[in-house]
Amino acid sequence: MNFEHKKIVERIARLDEPPSKPEDFSLWLRGDAHIAFLEQNARADEIVVFASGEHTFINAVAVADERLSPIDRRDLMGWNFNAHQSIASLVSSADDIWIERGLTGTASKTLDGGVQLIFGRVFEEWSGPGRSYLELHQEYAHLSGIHWRSEKRAHCRFNKHGDLEQVVSITTRDDKGSDMALATFRWEPLEEYLAAGNASLVRMFDIPLYRKTGFSGWSSEPPEDVQLSDEFFFHRRIDGGASYLRGVQIIRPRRPKKVIFPAWGSENEKEDKQYAEFIAEDWRNKRVTKISTDPAVTTNYFEAAGNSLPYELSPAFFRPDVLLKYKADREKYTVGEREVSCRAAWHLRGIDVNEAGQVHAYIVYLRSLPYTEQMHWLAYNEAPKARISQRAYTTDFKGDFSTIPDPVMDVMQIVHRWQHDKVPWWTLRDEKLLERVNTPLSASRDEWAEAFMDLAKLVVEGFETKPIRARLDAEKVPYDKDDKTIALLEKLLNKGKSGDEVGKLTGLRTVQYVRTKAKGHTGGIEGDQLVQDVLTEHETFANHFRHVCGQVSDELETVENFL
């Protein structure tokens, strides 16, 4: 459940607590605080659709606007049902049986046929936890694209930033520390549902206020009729040491339908989109300049006649650290050799790295990013130090396959092949590793160490000890029971060799060594020396990683050919 939901739970609990002082208790009986809560909540971002607390009962139904025009107050005030009512039942006659569907028996012609969004369910005869629970109407779940996540106690979806958004939050009496059942809805998706269905939310409330001791029943006096507006009215009755408020509140969409759904409005009513301006290579006009991601200020090959606008395939260049944000959160982001994506939110394709170590991306694809994400890239934007990579030029402009050696891709092709062929000596431990292994581009030691960690998990940890030992046994090659897979593979590959002929799986051993000594600075002085040696010999972490991947791909080919 989200923060706002928790605060509503706490507020209703406070509202329902009878004050100890007589003067405060008298004010409490008026229910003004409860009414103020309903008024405020109707304008909030988290709307109560169902509540069953110590003294507060709220139940809401989506009702077609045509049934609320005009509003029949007398009819609505006659409501007499709760969320535990079924919306489907078997009905029979002497010679047939059928299903009746829809909300009925509400004691209100206006409400009959409405959409009950939350249902109170009870698993009869079940005595354990979960006997009583709240169920969401499946139509709402499907249209809003939400799914139940028990750890969040909410129906959730990913928002436009790729973050898990709690759309419908649930509290039940089984939850720790809870004395109520509550369902709250995020307003924006609820407003979309109401607007699309030409409907409004009719929220009914029944709030009896009294102390558990000392209340003997109601007198015959009629209740007070209170009308705060045409769409918020209730009966209030104060009788000695007790009172009740029972009424109806109509909550309509706050915005016009064409604003809620701008794609269906006119052009000037559509949502204004913001565009960042990047330093980029305007290769059409042979200059380096600032180019906006606004589609109105760039062109393409087919529309270039009669203008000198930069091509939308103009590349912008960035410091390699631009990718660290995405590599630090592998659950949310996926970083490939030529793309970055955010789960259920956005996808940036066509990136690459030039010979100067700069990441580059085309204006046309940067345009597809949310503005906040464009601003992240803008913070790392710089003038080009070299042209785009040869690989990008070959594939993106010439339309040919790249023949430039790529050791990382060579490793990935081998493990993909092993996975497809279901070889007995190797198993993919985690599908996500196929997306996580990529070249470290920045000067960050942590990024470099993380890249080797992922490579080790993918390749080295994938080897199966039993099949390799079985092969050694068949070849009558001795080994120690404590030998790990790399040592076992080396003994198998070196069968019958001696002296200078004996070889080592240098690449695989390097992967394991870097993983041990560099990850999290656990290697101490030895790890620091390793980093110094790597940079001295290879200049960058990227060069070192590609070099080791080249060794590993050769060794994996050798292992495959032998086994």
Protein backbone atom coordinates (compact mmCIF):
# COMPACT_ATOMS: atom_id res chain seq x y z
CA MET A 1 0.00 0.00 0.00
CA ASN A 2 1.19 3.52 -0.65
CA PHE A 3 1.91 6.33 1.81
CA GLU A 4 -1.38 8.16 1.20
CA HIS A 5 -3.35 4.98 1.85
CA LYS A 6 -1.58 4.46 5.16
CA LYS A 7 -2.33 8.03 6.20
CA ILE A 8 -6.03 7.51 5.38
CA VAL A 9 -6.08 4.38 7.56
CA GLU A 10 -4.62 6.40 10.42
CA ARG A 11 -6.99 9.33 9.88
CA ILE A 12 -10.16 7.23 9.84
CA ALA A 13 -8.98 5.46 13.00
CA ARG A 14 -8.51 8.86 14.70
CA LEU A 15 -11.89 10.11 13.47
CA ASP A 16 -13.60 7.02 14.87
CA GLU A 17 -12.03 7.33 18.33
CA PRO A 18 -14.58 8.85 20.80
CA PRO A 19 -13.03 11.79 22.70
CA SER A 20 -12.77 11.45 26.47
CA LYS A 21 -13.72 15.05 27.34
CA PRO A 22 -17.50 15.74 27.38
CA GLU A 23 -17.27 18.95 25.36
CA ASP A 24 -15.13 17.25 22.71
CA PHE A 25 -17.46 14.25 22.65
CA SER A 26 -20.44 16.55 21.96
CA LEU A 27 -18.63 18.07 18.98
CA TRP A 28 -17.60 14.61 17.79
CA LEU A 29 -21.25 13.51 17.72
CA ARG A 30 -22.00 16.17 15.10
CA GLY A 31 -19.72 14.32 12.69
CA ASP A 32 -18.26 17.53 11.28
CA ALA A 33 -14.78 16.03 11.19
CA HIS A 34 -16.04 13.01 9.24
CA ILE A 35 -17.85 15.27 6.76
CA ALA A 36 -14.72 17.41 6.35
CA PHE A 37 -12.73 14.24 5.64
CA LEU A 38 -15.18 13.20 2.91
CA GLU A 39 -15.05 16.67 1.35
CA GLN A 40 -11.24 16.74 1.35
CA ASN A 41 -10.85 13.18 0.17
CA ALA A 42 -13.12 13.81 -2.83
CA ARG A 43 -10.46 16.27 -4.07
CA ALA A 44 -7.44 14.12 -3.14
CA ASP A 45 -5.17 11.93 -5.26
CA GLU A 46 -6.14 8.85 -3.23
CA ILE A 47 -9.90 8.26 -3.15
CA VAL A 48 -11.70 6.06 -0.61
CA VAL A 49 -13.96 3.67 -2.51
CA PHE A 50 -14.67 1.32 0.37
CA ALA A 51 -14.16 1.63 4.12
CA SER A 52 -15.44 -0.35 7.06
CA GLY A 53 -14.06 1.00 10.30
CA GLU A 54 -15.17 1.22 13.90
CA HIS A 55 -17.74 3.92 13.10
CA THR A 56 -17.19 4.72 9.41
CA PHE A 57 -18.78 2.83 6.52
CA ILE A 58 -18.20 4.03 2.95
CA ASN A 59 -19.19 2.26 -0.26
CA ALA A 60 -18.88 3.69 -3.78
CA VAL A 61 -20.42 2.71 -7.10
CA ALA A 62 -19.75 4.01 -10.63
CA VAL A 63 -23.04 5.25 -12.08
CA ALA A 64 -23.76 6.39 -15.64
CA ASP A 65 -24.18 10.17 -15.83
CA GLU A 66 -27.49 9.81 -17.65
CA ARG A 67 -28.90 8.15 -14.53
CA LEU A 68 -27.76 11.16 -12.47
CA SER A 69 -29.50 13.72 -14.65
CA PRO A 70 -31.41 14.97 -12.85
CA ILE A 71 -30.18 13.87 -9.43
CA ASP A 72 -32.99 12.18 -7.51
CA ARG A 73 -31.99 12.88 -3.92
CA ARG A 74 -34.92 11.03 -2.42
CA ASP A 75 -34.17 7.93 -4.47
CA LEU A 76 -30.45 8.00 -3.67
CA MET A 77 -31.07 8.47 0.05
CA GLY A 78 -33.02 5.23 0.02
CA TRP A 79 -29.89 3.17 -0.69
CA ASN A 80 -29.74 0.03 1.36
CA PHE A 81 -26.93 -2.37 0.38
CA ASN A 82 -23.25 -3.00 0.99
CA ALA A 83 -20.19 -4.28 -0.85
CA HIS A 84 -20.89 -7.88 0.15
CA GLN A 85 -23.80 -8.08 -2.27
CA SER A 86 -23.21 -10.38 -5.25
CA ILE A 87 -23.46 -9.08 -8.81
CA ALA A 88 -24.37 -12.47 -10.24
CA SER A 89 -26.85 -15.07 -9.08
CA LEU A 90 -28.61 -18.18 -10.32
CA VAL A 91 -32.34 -17.75 -10.79
CA SER A 92 -34.74 -20.58 -11.53
CA SER A 93 -38.31 -21.14 -12.49
CA ALA A 94 -40.36 -24.27 -12.70
CA ASP A 95 -38.81 -25.24 -16.04
CA ASP A 96 -35.56 -23.25 -16.43
CA ILE A 97 -32.52 -21.81 -14.68
CA TRP A 98 -30.45 -18.78 -15.72
CA ILE A 99 -27.93 -16.21 -14.55
CA GLU A 100 -28.87 -12.68 -13.56
CA ARG A 101 -25.99 -10.22 -13.68
CA GLY A 102 -25.38 -6.68 -12.53
CA LEU A 103 -25.88 -4.64 -9.39
CA THR A 104 -29.47 -5.00 -8.19
CA GLY A 105 -31.38 -4.76 -4.95
CA THR A 106 -29.81 -1.45 -3.91
CA ALA A 107 -33.20 0.07 -2.96
CA SER A 108 -32.37 2.88 -5.41
CA LYS A 109 -33.39 3.02 -9.06
CA THR A 110 -30.40 5.30 -9.72
CA LEU A 111 -27.89 2.87 -8.29
CA ASP A 112 -29.33 -0.33 -9.76
CA GLY A 113 -27.17 -1.24 -12.76
CA GLY A 114 -24.16 0.69 -11.47
CA VAL A 115 -20.66 -0.79 -11.27
CA GLN A 116 -19.55 -1.99 -7.84
CA LEU A 117 -15.75 -1.53 -7.89
CA ILE A 118 -14.89 -3.33 -4.65
CA PHE A 119 -16.52 -6.48 -3.31
CA GLY A 120 -16.36 -7.78 0.23
CA ARG A 121 -15.96 -11.55 0.07
CA VAL A 122 -16.18 -14.11 2.86
CA PHE A 123 -14.93 -17.68 2.49
CA GLU A 124 -17.64 -19.39 4.50
CA GLU A 125 -16.54 -22.25 6.77
CA TRP A 126 -12.90 -21.16 6.39
CA SER A 127 -11.51 -20.24 9.79
CA GLY A 128 -7.95 -19.20 9.03
CA PRO A 129 -6.43 -15.91 7.83
CA GLY A 130 -7.92 -14.57 4.63
CA ARG A 131 -11.46 -15.64 5.41
CA SER A 132 -12.65 -12.10 4.67
CA TYR A 133 -11.05 -10.13 1.87
CA LEU A 134 -11.69 -7.36 -0.66
CA GLU A 135 -11.94 -8.17 -4.35
CA LEU A 136 -11.49 -5.73 -7.22
CA HIS A 137 -13.91 -5.63 -10.17
CA GLN A 138 -12.10 -7.35 -13.04
CA GLU A 139 -13.28 -4.83 -15.62
CA TYR A 140 -11.45 -2.08 -13.74
CA ALA A 141 -8.34 -4.23 -13.31
CA HIS A 142 -8.19 -5.05 -17.01
CA LEU A 143 -8.87 -1.53 -18.28
CA SER A 144 -6.32 0.05 -15.94
CA GLY A 145 -3.75 -2.70 -16.56
CA ILE A 146 -3.15 -3.46 -12.89
CA HIS A 147 -2.16 -6.68 -11.11
CA TRP A 148 -2.25 -7.77 -7.48
CA ARG A 149 1.10 -7.69 -5.68
CA SER A 150 0.76 -9.21 -2.21
CA GLU A 151 4.01 -7.68 -0.95
CA LYS A 152 2.63 -4.21 -1.73
CA ARG A 153 -0.92 -4.99 -0.56
CA ALA A 154 -2.05 -3.30 -3.75
CA HIS A 155 -3.03 -3.74 -7.38
CA CYS A 156 -0.07 -2.28 -9.26
CA ARG A 157 1.31 -1.34 -12.66
CA PHE A 158 4.46 0.25 -13.98
CA ASN A 159 4.14 3.98 -14.64
CA LYS A 160 5.73 6.00 -17.44
CA HIS A 161 9.00 6.15 -15.48
CA GLY A 162 9.15 2.37 -15.06
CA ASP A 163 8.39 2.56 -11.33
CA LEU A 164 5.85 0.28 -9.68
CA GLU A 165 2.72 2.35 -9.05
CA GLN A 166 0.16 1.25 -6.47
CA VAL A 167 -3.17 2.01 -8.13
CA VAL A 168 -5.63 0.29 -5.79
CA SER A 169 -4.41 -0.20 -2.22
CA ILE A 170 -6.08 -2.61 0.18
CA THR A 171 -6.14 -2.96 3.96
CA THR A 172 -8.05 -5.77 5.67
CA ARG A 173 -8.64 -6.69 9.27
CA ASP A 174 -6.18 -9.56 8.84
CA ASP A 175 -3.38 -7.04 8.32
CA LYS A 176 -1.13 -6.43 11.29
CA GLY A 177 -2.38 -3.59 13.49
CA SER A 178 -5.52 -3.01 11.41
CA ASP A 179 -9.06 -2.65 12.80
CA MET A 180 -10.68 -1.79 9.49
CA ALA A 181 -11.11 -2.79 5.86
CA LEU A 182 -10.20 -0.10 3.36
CA ALA A 183 -9.81 0.22 -0.42
CA THR A 184 -8.42 3.41 -1.94
CA PHE A 185 -7.95 4.21 -5.63
CA ARG A 186 -5.42 6.53 -7.26
CA TRP A 187 -7.48 9.32 -8.75
CA GLU A 188 -5.96 9.61 -12.24
CA PRO A 189 -6.75 6.05 -13.45
CA LEU A 190 -10.13 6.20 -11.66
CA GLU A 191 -10.92 9.47 -13.41
CA GLU A 192 -9.99 7.90 -16.75
CA TYR A 193 -12.32 4.98 -16.06
CA LEU A 194 -15.20 7.25 -15.10
CA ALA A 195 -14.68 9.61 -18.05
CA ALA A 196 -14.40 6.80 -20.60
CA GLY A 197 -17.63 5.29 -19.25
CA ASN A 198 -19.44 8.64 -19.07
CA ALA A 199 -19.97 7.95 -15.38
CA SER A 200 -19.47 9.45 -11.92
CA LEU A 201 -18.61 7.91 -8.58
CA VAL A 202 -21.52 7.80 -6.15
CA ARG A 203 -20.13 7.41 -2.66
CA MET A 204 -22.51 6.38 0.11
CA PHE A 205 -21.63 6.71 3.76
CA ASP A 206 -23.12 5.60 7.05
CA ILE A 207 -21.42 6.94 10.19
CA PRO A 208 -23.00 6.00 13.53
CA LEU A 209 -21.19 7.73 16.43
CA TYR A 210 -21.58 6.53 20.00
CA ARG A 211 -19.75 4.99 22.93
CA LYS A 212 -20.00 1.25 23.11
CA THR A 213 -21.48 1.55 26.59
CA GLY A 214 -24.47 3.68 27.50
CA PHE A 215 -26.38 3.68 24.17
CA SER A 216 -29.87 2.25 24.49
CA GLY A 217 -31.41 3.06 21.08
CA TRP A 218 -32.88 5.84 18.96
CA SER A 219 -35.90 7.99 19.76
CA SER A 220 -38.71 8.65 17.27
CA GLU A 221 -37.47 12.17 16.39
CA PRO A 222 -36.88 12.69 12.63
CA PRO A 223 -33.28 13.31 11.45
CA GLU A 224 -31.93 16.65 10.24
CA ASP A 225 -31.75 16.98 6.44
CA VAL A 226 -28.40 18.51 5.46
CA GLN A 227 -27.54 19.51 1.88
CA LEU A 228 -24.00 20.86 1.45
CA SER A 229 -24.44 20.96 -2.34
CA ASP A 230 -26.53 19.40 -5.05
CA GLU A 231 -24.09 16.47 -5.01
CA PHE A 232 -23.36 16.10 -1.28
CA PHE A 233 -26.26 15.57 1.11
CA PHE A 234 -27.06 13.50 4.18
CA HIS A 235 -29.31 12.92 7.17
CA ARG A 236 -27.91 13.71 10.60
CA ARG A 237 -29.48 12.66 13.86
CA ILE A 238 -28.15 13.45 17.32
CA ASP A 239 -29.97 11.64 20.08
CA GLY A 240 -28.53 12.01 23.57
CA GLY A 241 -25.14 10.37 23.63
CA ALA A 242 -25.27 9.02 20.08
CA SER A 243 -25.66 10.22 16.50
CA TYR A 244 -25.53 9.06 12.93
CA LEU A 245 -24.84 10.55 9.51
CA ARG A 246 -26.13 8.77 6.45
CA GLY A 247 -25.86 10.18 2.97
CA VAL A 248 -24.53 10.37 -0.55
CA GLN A 249 -21.64 12.17 -2.20
CA ILE A 250 -21.26 12.33 -5.99
CA ILE A 251 -17.69 12.65 -7.31
CA ARG A 252 -17.40 13.54 -10.98
CA PRO A 253 -14.30 13.62 -13.24
CA ARG A 254 -12.42 16.86 -12.58
CA ARG A 255 -11.34 17.43 -16.18
CA PRO A 256 -13.13 17.35 -19.53
CA LYS A 257 -12.89 14.09 -21.42
CA LYS A 258 -10.84 15.66 -24.22
CA VAL A 259 -8.25 16.79 -21.66
CA ILE A 260 -8.10 13.40 -19.93
CA PHE A 261 -7.62 11.72 -23.31
CA PRO A 262 -5.68 14.32 -25.35
CA ALA A 263 -5.13 11.98 -28.31
CA TRP A 264 -8.83 12.29 -29.04
CA GLY A 265 -8.91 16.09 -28.74
CA SER A 266 -7.99 18.71 -31.31
CA GLU A 267 -4.34 19.52 -31.95
CA ASN A 268 -4.28 22.59 -29.71
CA GLU A 269 -5.86 20.60 -26.89
CA LYS A 270 -3.25 17.87 -26.91
CA GLU A 271 -0.77 17.76 -24.07
CA ASP A 272 2.22 20.02 -24.61
CA LYS A 273 5.40 17.98 -24.84
CA GLN A 274 8.77 19.31 -23.76
CA TYR A 275 11.94 18.80 -25.77
CA ALA A 276 15.57 19.01 -24.77
CA GLU A 277 18.26 20.58 -26.97
CA PHE A 278 21.48 18.61 -27.45
CA ILE A 279 24.91 19.44 -28.80
CA ALA A 280 24.98 17.24 -31.88
CA GLU A 281 26.74 16.69 -35.19
CA ASP A 282 24.60 18.25 -37.93
CA TRP A 283 26.29 16.28 -40.66
CA ARG A 284 23.85 17.55 -43.27
CA ASN A 285 25.11 21.12 -42.78
CA LYS A 286 28.64 20.05 -41.75
CA ARG A 287 28.63 21.67 -38.32
CA VAL A 288 28.38 20.93 -34.60
CA THR A 289 25.40 22.76 -33.14
CA LYS A 290 22.50 22.44 -30.72
CA ILE A 291 19.58 20.44 -32.10
CA SER A 292 16.24 20.08 -30.37
CA THR A 293 14.36 16.80 -30.17
CA ASP A 294 11.26 18.72 -31.31
CA PRO A 295 10.22 16.98 -34.56
CA ALA A 296 9.40 20.39 -36.07
CA VAL A 297 13.08 21.43 -36.22
CA THR A 298 14.53 18.33 -37.89
CA THR A 299 13.77 16.45 -41.08
CA ASN A 300 14.40 13.12 -42.78
CA TYR A 301 15.50 11.99 -46.23
CA PHE A 302 11.97 11.98 -47.62
CA GLU A 303 11.02 15.49 -46.46
CA ALA A 304 14.36 17.29 -46.90
CA ALA A 305 13.58 19.01 -50.18
CA GLY A 306 13.24 22.77 -49.88
CA ASN A 307 14.74 23.09 -46.39
CA SER A 308 18.13 22.93 -44.66
CA LEU A 309 16.96 21.44 -41.36
CA PRO A 310 19.29 18.96 -39.62
CA TYR A 311 18.46 15.33 -40.20
CA GLU A 312 16.72 13.60 -37.29
CA LEU A 313 19.48 10.98 -37.52
CA SER A 314 21.99 13.58 -36.35
CA PRO A 315 24.01 12.02 -33.50
CA ALA A 316 24.49 13.60 -30.06
CA PHE A 317 27.46 12.56 -27.95
CA PHE A 318 27.72 11.85 -24.24
CA ARG A 319 30.19 11.02 -21.52
CA PRO A 320 30.04 7.24 -20.89
CA ASP A 321 28.89 7.85 -17.30
CA VAL A 322 25.43 8.53 -18.77
CA LEU A 323 24.78 4.78 -18.62
CA LEU A 324 25.80 4.25 -14.98
CA LYS A 325 22.34 5.21 -13.73
CA TYR A 326 20.82 2.37 -15.73
CA LYS A 327 23.46 -0.20 -14.87
CA ALA A 328 22.96 0.52 -11.17
CA ASP A 329 19.31 -0.63 -11.27
CA ARG A 330 19.14 -3.85 -13.28
CA GLU A 331 15.58 -4.63 -12.18
CA LYS A 332 14.24 -1.44 -13.73
CA TYR A 333 16.58 -0.92 -16.69
CA THR A 334 18.13 -3.15 -19.33
CA VAL A 335 21.36 -2.02 -20.97
CA GLY A 336 22.42 -3.75 -24.17
CA GLU A 337 25.34 -3.13 -26.48
CA ARG A 338 23.20 -0.83 -28.66
CA GLU A 339 20.09 -0.04 -26.62
CA VAL A 340 18.74 0.96 -23.23
CA SER A 341 15.21 0.31 -22.04
CA CYS A 342 13.11 1.00 -18.99
CA ARG A 343 10.55 -1.65 -18.12
CA ALA A 344 7.08 -0.91 -19.49
CA ALA A 345 8.08 2.74 -20.08
CA TRP A 346 10.56 3.60 -22.83
CA HIS A 347 13.17 2.19 -25.19
CA LEU A 348 16.20 4.02 -26.60
CA ARG A 349 17.74 2.21 -29.54
CA GLY A 350 20.66 2.97 -31.82
CA ILE A 351 23.23 3.91 -29.16
CA ASP A 352 26.87 2.97 -29.60
CA VAL A 353 30.36 3.99 -28.50
CA ASN A 354 32.87 5.77 -30.76
CA GLU A 355 36.64 5.35 -30.72
CA ALA A 356 36.96 8.24 -28.25
CA GLY A 357 34.82 6.32 -25.75
CA GLN A 358 31.79 8.57 -26.12
CA VAL A 359 28.29 7.15 -26.12
CA HIS A 360 26.26 8.49 -29.03
CA ALA A 361 22.53 8.47 -29.78
CA TYR A 362 20.42 9.88 -32.60
CA ILE A 363 18.09 12.84 -32.06
CA VAL A 364 15.14 10.91 -33.49
CA TYR A 365 15.44 8.24 -30.77
CA LEU A 366 16.26 10.65 -27.94
CA ARG A 367 12.95 12.29 -28.86
CA SER A 368 11.07 9.19 -27.70
CA LEU A 369 12.38 9.52 -24.14
CA PRO A 370 10.29 11.20 -21.43
CA TYR A 371 11.44 14.77 -20.90
CA THR A 372 12.90 13.96 -17.47
CA GLU A 373 14.99 11.23 -19.11
CA GLN A 374 16.09 13.60 -21.88
CA MET A 375 17.32 15.95 -19.16
CA HIS A 376 19.39 13.13 -17.66
CA TRP A 377 21.12 12.61 -21.00
CA LEU A 378 21.53 16.34 -21.46
CA ALA A 379 23.58 16.52 -18.26
CA TYR A 380 26.21 14.28 -19.92
CA ASN A 381 26.04 15.84 -23.38
CA GLU A 382 29.28 17.12 -24.92
CA ALA A 383 30.77 18.00 -28.28
CA PRO A 384 31.93 15.04 -30.38
CA LYS A 385 35.57 14.03 -30.03
CA ALA A 386 35.28 11.56 -32.91
CA ARG A 387 32.68 10.48 -35.44
CA ILE A 388 30.12 7.77 -34.71
CA SER A 389 31.42 4.21 -34.44
CA GLN A 390 32.24 2.27 -37.59
CA ARG A 391 29.69 -0.33 -36.51
CA ALA A 392 26.93 2.29 -36.28
CA TYR A 393 27.89 3.76 -39.67
CA THR A 394 27.87 0.32 -41.30
CA THR A 395 24.58 -0.89 -39.87
CA ASP A 396 22.59 2.35 -39.55
CA PHE A 397 23.60 4.19 -42.73
CA LYS A 398 24.97 1.61 -45.16
CA GLY A 399 22.43 -1.02 -44.13
CA ASP A 400 25.07 -3.77 -44.01
CA PHE A 401 25.94 -6.28 -41.33
CA SER A 402 28.92 -5.24 -39.25
CA THR A 403 32.02 -7.40 -39.71
CA ILE A 404 33.98 -5.60 -37.00
CA PRO A 405 35.15 -8.12 -34.37
CA ASP A 406 33.11 -7.94 -31.19
CA PRO A 407 34.44 -10.30 -28.46
CA VAL A 408 31.51 -9.64 -26.15
CA MET A 409 28.99 -10.61 -28.83
CA ASP A 410 31.12 -13.68 -29.64
CA VAL A 411 30.76 -14.87 -26.04
CA MET A 412 27.03 -14.18 -26.08
CA GLN A 413 26.53 -16.07 -29.35
CA ILE A 414 28.22 -19.14 -27.88
CA VAL A 415 26.16 -19.20 -24.68
CA HIS A 416 22.97 -18.57 -26.67
CA ARG A 417 23.88 -21.56 -28.82
CA TRP A 418 24.59 -23.71 -25.77
CA GLN A 419 21.29 -22.71 -24.24
CA HIS A 420 19.39 -23.48 -27.44
CA ASP A 421 21.12 -26.86 -27.89
CA LYS A 422 20.69 -27.74 -24.19
CA VAL A 423 24.26 -28.99 -23.90
CA PRO A 424 24.78 -31.18 -20.82
CA TRP A 425 27.95 -29.47 -19.57
CA TRP A 426 26.51 -25.96 -19.17
CA THR A 427 23.23 -24.45 -17.91
CA LEU A 428 21.90 -20.90 -17.98
CA ARG A 429 21.36 -20.03 -14.30
CA ASP A 430 19.44 -16.81 -14.83
CA GLU A 431 17.73 -15.58 -18.01
CA LYS A 432 18.40 -11.96 -17.00
CA LEU A 433 22.16 -12.50 -17.36
CA LEU A 434 21.73 -12.67 -21.13
CA GLU A 435 20.74 -9.01 -21.03
CA ARG A 436 23.13 -7.86 -18.32
CA VAL A 437 26.52 -8.74 -19.74
CA ASN A 438 27.86 -5.70 -21.59
CA THR A 439 31.05 -3.69 -21.88
CA PRO A 440 31.93 -1.28 -19.02
CA LEU A 441 32.37 2.11 -20.69
CA SER A 442 33.18 4.58 -17.92
CA ALA A 443 36.20 4.98 -15.66
CA SER A 444 34.16 3.51 -12.78
CA ARG A 445 35.88 0.62 -11.06
CA ASP A 446 32.50 -0.56 -9.80
CA GLU A 447 31.05 -0.73 -13.32
CA TRP A 448 34.05 -2.76 -14.47
CA ALA A 449 33.82 -5.11 -11.48
CA GLU A 450 30.06 -5.53 -11.98
CA ALA A 451 30.62 -6.44 -15.63
CA PHE A 452 33.00 -9.22 -14.62
CA MET A 453 30.60 -10.36 -11.91
CA ASP A 454 27.83 -10.76 -14.52
CA LEU A 455 30.21 -12.49 -16.94
CA ALA A 456 31.33 -14.93 -14.23
CA LYS A 457 27.74 -15.73 -13.26
CA LEU A 458 26.77 -16.30 -16.87
CA VAL A 459 29.73 -18.31 -18.15
CA VAL A 460 31.72 -19.84 -15.29
CA GLU A 461 28.85 -20.62 -12.93
CA GLY A 462 26.98 -22.18 -15.83
CA PHE A 463 29.35 -25.14 -16.13
CA GLU A 464 27.97 -28.42 -14.78
CA THR A 465 30.47 -30.37 -12.68
CA LYS A 466 28.94 -33.85 -12.92
CA PRO A 467 29.01 -34.21 -16.75
CA ILE A 468 32.58 -32.90 -16.87
CA ARG A 469 33.70 -35.37 -14.19
CA ALA A 470 31.88 -38.15 -16.02
CA ARG A 471 33.87 -37.31 -19.16
CA LEU A 472 37.11 -37.29 -17.14
CA ASP A 473 36.22 -40.69 -15.72
CA ALA A 474 35.50 -42.02 -19.21
CA GLU A 475 38.85 -40.67 -20.44
CA LYS A 476 40.57 -42.07 -17.30
CA VAL A 477 41.93 -38.64 -16.38
CA PRO A 478 42.60 -38.28 -12.63
CA TYR A 479 41.30 -35.26 -10.69
CA ASP A 480 40.90 -34.13 -7.11
CA LYS A 481 37.46 -34.13 -5.48
CA ASP A 482 37.91 -30.44 -4.59
CA ASP A 483 38.66 -29.38 -8.17
CA LYS A 484 36.28 -26.75 -9.52
CA THR A 485 34.97 -26.61 -13.07
CA ILE A 486 37.81 -24.57 -14.59
CA ALA A 487 40.44 -26.93 -13.15
CA LEU A 488 38.42 -29.93 -14.33
CA LEU A 489 38.11 -28.50 -17.84
CA GLU A 490 41.86 -27.79 -17.97
CA LYS A 491 42.67 -31.39 -17.01
CA LEU A 492 40.31 -32.66 -19.66
CA LEU A 493 41.74 -30.38 -22.37
CA ASN A 494 45.33 -31.22 -21.37
CA LYS A 495 44.90 -34.99 -21.49
CA GLY A 496 48.07 -36.58 -22.82
CA LYS A 497 49.99 -33.29 -22.84
CA SER A 498 53.14 -32.50 -20.88
CA GLY A 499 55.60 -29.68 -20.32
CA ASP A 500 55.05 -26.62 -22.54
CA GLU A 501 52.02 -28.26 -24.16
CA VAL A 502 49.94 -27.93 -20.99
CA GLY A 503 47.64 -24.92 -21.30
CA LYS A 504 45.52 -22.82 -18.98
CA LEU A 505 42.06 -21.36 -19.49
CA THR A 506 43.50 -17.90 -18.97
CA GLY A 507 40.38 -15.96 -19.89
CA LEU A 508 38.05 -17.90 -17.60
CA ARG A 509 40.57 -17.71 -14.76
CA THR A 510 40.89 -13.94 -15.28
CA VAL A 511 37.12 -13.58 -15.07
CA GLN A 512 37.07 -15.38 -11.74
CA TYR A 513 40.10 -13.48 -10.43
CA VAL A 514 38.71 -10.05 -11.27
CA ARG A 515 35.37 -11.01 -9.78
CA THR A 516 37.06 -11.98 -6.52
CA LYS A 517 39.54 -9.13 -6.21
CA ALA A 518 37.72 -6.15 -7.71
CA LYS A 519 34.07 -6.48 -6.74
CA GLY A 520 33.24 -4.14 -3.85
CA HIS A 521 36.93 -3.39 -3.21
CA THR A 522 37.14 -6.66 -1.26
CA GLY A 523 40.56 -7.35 -2.70
CA GLY A 524 42.26 -4.61 -0.67
CA ILE A 525 45.83 -3.84 -1.77
CA GLU A 526 45.79 -6.77 -4.18
CA GLY A 527 42.62 -5.42 -5.80
CA ASP A 528 44.08 -1.92 -6.10
CA GLN A 529 47.18 -3.34 -7.75
CA LEU A 530 45.01 -5.31 -10.17
CA VAL A 531 43.22 -2.12 -11.23
CA GLN A 532 46.52 -0.31 -11.70
CA ASP A 533 47.94 -3.16 -13.81
CA VAL A 534 44.80 -3.35 -15.95
CA LEU A 535 44.81 0.37 -16.74
CA THR A 536 48.55 0.40 -17.35
CA GLU A 537 48.32 -2.39 -19.91
CA HIS A 538 44.92 -1.70 -21.51
CA GLU A 539 44.38 2.03 -20.80
CA THR A 540 40.64 1.62 -20.13
CA PHE A 541 38.37 -0.86 -18.39
CA ALA A 542 36.47 -1.26 -21.67
CA ASN A 543 39.60 -2.38 -23.52
CA HIS A 544 40.44 -4.84 -20.77
CA PHE A 545 36.94 -6.33 -20.71
CA ARG A 546 36.91 -6.79 -24.49
CA HIS A 547 40.38 -8.35 -24.36
CA VAL A 548 39.31 -10.90 -21.72
CA CYS A 549 36.08 -11.64 -23.61
CA GLY A 550 38.19 -12.40 -26.67
CA GLN A 551 40.14 -14.97 -24.63
CA VAL A 552 36.96 -16.41 -23.15
CA SER A 553 35.24 -16.81 -26.53
CA ASP A 554 38.25 -18.73 -27.87
CA GLU A 555 38.29 -20.96 -24.79
CA LEU A 556 34.56 -21.64 -24.99
CA GLU A 557 34.98 -22.67 -28.64
CA THR A 558 37.76 -25.05 -27.58
CA VAL A 559 35.63 -26.54 -24.79
CA GLU A 560 32.69 -26.95 -27.17
CA ASN A 561 34.81 -28.65 -29.82
CA PHE A 562 36.32 -31.06 -27.28
CA LEU A 563 33.08 -31.95 -25.50
